[in-house]
Protein backbone atom coordinates (compact mmCIF):
# COMPACT_ATOMS: atom_id res chain seq x y z
CA MET A 1 0.08 0.21 -0.01
CA THR A 2 1.02 3.20 -0.76
CA PRO A 3 1.96 5.94 1.57
CA ARG A 4 -0.91 8.47 0.09
CA ARG A 5 -3.33 5.31 0.22
CA LYS A 6 -2.49 4.81 3.89
CA SER A 7 -2.93 8.54 4.64
CA ARG A 8 -6.31 8.49 2.90
CA LEU A 9 -7.16 5.42 4.92
CA TYR A 10 -6.31 6.74 8.62
CA LEU A 11 -8.24 9.97 7.37
CA ALA A 12 -11.20 7.93 6.55
CA LEU A 13 -11.13 6.19 9.60
CA VAL A 14 -10.64 8.84 11.87
CA MET A 15 -13.84 10.86 10.27
CA LEU A 16 -15.88 7.52 10.59
CA LEU A 17 -15.00 7.46 14.60
CA GLY A 18 -15.67 11.15 14.88
CA ALA A 19 -18.96 10.75 13.32
CA THR A 20 -19.88 7.78 15.57
CA LEU A 21 -18.79 9.67 18.51
CA ILE A 22 -20.82 12.73 17.59
CA VAL A 23 -24.05 10.58 16.81
CA THR A 24 -23.62 8.72 20.16
CA LEU A 25 -23.31 12.01 22.25
CA MET A 26 -26.32 13.46 20.47
CA LEU A 27 -28.73 10.14 21.08
CA TYR A 28 -27.57 10.04 24.80
CA ALA A 29 -28.18 13.95 25.29
CA LEU A 30 -31.76 13.25 23.45
CA SER A 31 -32.57 10.31 25.44
CA SER A 32 -32.02 12.05 28.93
CA ASN A 33 -34.51 14.81 28.19
CA ILE A 34 -37.51 12.63 26.78
CA ASP A 35 -40.37 12.80 28.83
CA LEU A 36 -42.76 10.17 28.19
CA PHE A 37 -46.49 9.99 28.49
CA TYR A 38 -48.22 7.78 30.71
CA THR A 39 -51.64 7.42 32.40
CA PRO A 40 -52.79 6.72 35.99
CA ARG A 41 -53.25 3.03 34.82
CA GLU A 42 -49.97 2.37 33.45
CA ILE A 43 -48.15 3.79 36.78
CA VAL A 44 -50.32 1.80 39.10
CA GLN A 45 -50.67 -1.45 37.23
CA GLY A 46 -47.17 -1.15 35.08
CA LYS A 47 -48.62 -2.20 31.89
CA GLY A 48 -47.63 0.34 29.35
CA GLN A 49 -48.49 0.02 25.86
CA GLN A 50 -45.55 1.51 24.49
CA HIS A 51 -43.07 1.65 27.36
CA GLU A 52 -42.23 0.08 30.84
CA LYS A 53 -43.30 0.97 34.04
CA PRO A 54 -41.67 4.21 35.07
CA HIS A 55 -39.07 4.19 37.84
CA VAL A 56 -38.69 6.58 40.97
CA GLY A 57 -36.82 9.59 39.81
CA GLN A 58 -38.04 9.32 36.15
CA ARG A 59 -39.26 12.31 34.33
CA LEU A 60 -42.64 11.94 32.56
CA ARG A 61 -45.62 13.44 31.78
CA ILE A 62 -49.12 12.16 33.05
CA GLY A 63 -52.77 12.77 31.99
CA GLY A 64 -56.17 12.20 33.09
CA MET A 65 -58.79 13.79 34.70
CA VAL A 66 -58.29 15.67 38.09
CA MET A 67 -60.58 13.77 40.75
CA PRO A 68 -63.59 15.61 41.79
CA GLY A 69 -62.57 16.60 45.77
CA SER A 70 -59.30 15.69 45.61
CA VAL A 71 -57.50 19.57 45.13
CA LYS A 72 -56.03 20.69 48.28
CA ARG A 73 -54.36 23.97 48.65
CA ASP A 74 -51.88 25.35 51.02
CA PRO A 75 -53.25 28.64 52.29
CA HIS A 76 -50.06 29.95 53.18
CA THR A 77 -47.96 28.86 49.85
CA LEU A 78 -48.34 28.16 46.26
CA GLN A 79 -48.53 24.41 47.19
CA VAL A 80 -51.31 22.27 45.67
CA THR A 81 -52.17 18.70 45.83
CA PHE A 82 -54.56 16.84 43.58
CA ARG A 83 -55.26 13.45 42.07
CA ILE A 84 -55.46 12.47 38.29
CA TYR A 85 -57.55 9.79 37.64
CA ASP A 86 -58.49 7.42 34.71
CA ALA A 87 -60.62 4.34 34.12
CA VAL A 88 -58.36 2.12 36.50
CA GLY A 89 -56.57 4.29 39.03
CA SER A 90 -55.45 7.44 39.95
CA ILE A 91 -52.12 9.27 41.12
CA PRO A 92 -51.24 11.89 43.58
CA VAL A 93 -49.83 14.77 42.12
CA SER A 94 -47.95 17.74 44.04
CA TYR A 95 -47.27 21.09 42.67
CA GLU A 96 -45.81 24.49 43.50
CA GLY A 97 -46.88 27.57 41.61
CA ILE A 98 -49.93 29.01 39.83
CA LEU A 99 -52.40 26.61 38.26
CA PRO A 100 -53.77 27.30 34.94
CA ASP A 101 -57.34 29.33 34.74
CA LEU A 102 -58.96 26.32 33.17
CA PHE A 103 -57.56 24.02 35.84
CA ARG A 104 -60.69 22.66 37.89
CA GLU A 105 -62.20 19.36 39.72
CA GLY A 106 -63.38 16.78 36.68
CA GLN A 107 -61.16 18.62 34.15
CA GLY A 108 -58.57 17.12 31.54
CA VAL A 109 -54.87 17.79 32.67
CA VAL A 110 -51.43 16.81 31.74
CA ALA A 111 -48.63 17.23 34.76
CA GLN A 112 -44.97 17.10 33.44
CA GLY A 113 -42.76 16.33 36.51
CA VAL A 114 -40.88 13.51 38.34
CA LEU A 115 -42.10 10.26 39.98
CA GLY A 116 -41.52 10.42 43.61
CA ALA A 117 -42.04 7.99 46.02
CA ASP A 118 -45.10 6.16 46.78
CA HIS A 119 -46.12 7.29 43.00
CA VAL A 120 -46.36 10.74 44.04
CA VAL A 121 -45.67 12.98 41.13
CA GLN A 122 -43.67 15.96 41.77
CA ALA A 123 -45.15 18.29 39.25
CA ARG A 124 -42.93 21.41 37.56
CA GLU A 125 -45.59 22.27 35.08
CA VAL A 126 -49.48 21.65 34.87
CA LEU A 127 -51.37 22.15 31.33
CA ALA A 128 -55.07 22.24 31.57
CA LYS A 129 -57.54 21.02 28.99
CA HIS A 130 -57.80 24.30 26.74
CA ASP A 131 -61.13 23.72 24.94
CA GLU A 132 -64.26 21.47 26.27
CA ASN A 133 -64.42 19.79 22.58
CA TYR A 134 -60.77 18.73 22.76
CA THR A 135 -59.03 16.03 24.79
CA PRO A 136 -55.88 14.55 23.79
CA PRO A 137 -56.22 11.01 22.53
CA GLU A 138 -54.07 9.51 24.89
CA VAL A 139 -56.33 10.81 27.94
CA THR A 140 -59.57 9.71 25.86
CA ASP A 141 -58.36 6.12 25.32
CA ALA A 142 -57.37 5.88 28.90
CA MET A 143 -60.65 7.23 30.22
CA LYS A 144 -62.62 4.24 28.25
CA PRO A 145 -63.58 1.65 30.76
CA VAL A 146 -61.48 -1.47 31.01
CA GLN A 147 -63.25 -4.79 30.88
CA ASN A 148 -63.29 -6.82 34.11
CA VAL A 149 -61.35 -4.47 36.23
CA ALA A 150 -62.86 -2.76 39.24
CA VAL A 151 -61.73 0.40 41.06
CA MET A 152 -62.10 0.88 44.55
CA PRO A 153 -63.52 4.09 45.80
CA THR A 154 -59.75 5.47 47.13
CA GLY A 155 -58.96 5.00 43.34
CA GLN A 156 -56.70 1.99 44.15
CA HIS A 157 -57.05 -0.78 41.61
CA LYS A 158 -58.29 -3.87 43.45
CA ASP A 159 -55.41 -6.29 41.76
CA ALA A 160 -52.88 -4.07 43.45
CA LEU A 161 -53.93 -4.86 46.87
């Protein structure tokens, strides 16, 4: 092999290695910034259609309806706790901040945050349904009754006990 061919081969290998490194770093950065969407059912039962059960400390989005009677506000701070439910279960959410004007019990919401201990979502953002005729498809599917599954009054799934 001539020295010129050798130098071209080394240059091509270095460029390929550099491109591989750049793509790997980009994919790693993107994977740490993804917030997957879950329903309360997927968190309670751990049966996701597209992904596995979330773990404590994972960033996520959770969508469903605000459970009537579950909204509790701290009178001295902006701390609010409430439950998001679907046809199978409910998940408590803790949020500190000003809620959207359309936020109310019985309305559809999506909360973005981190899953904490005991399945409590520590939300950093709460988005309320903006129109009475629109509900995200994931929330609509989650609210459909599931065959042969009973929900206890506390929102716990009977098979989870």
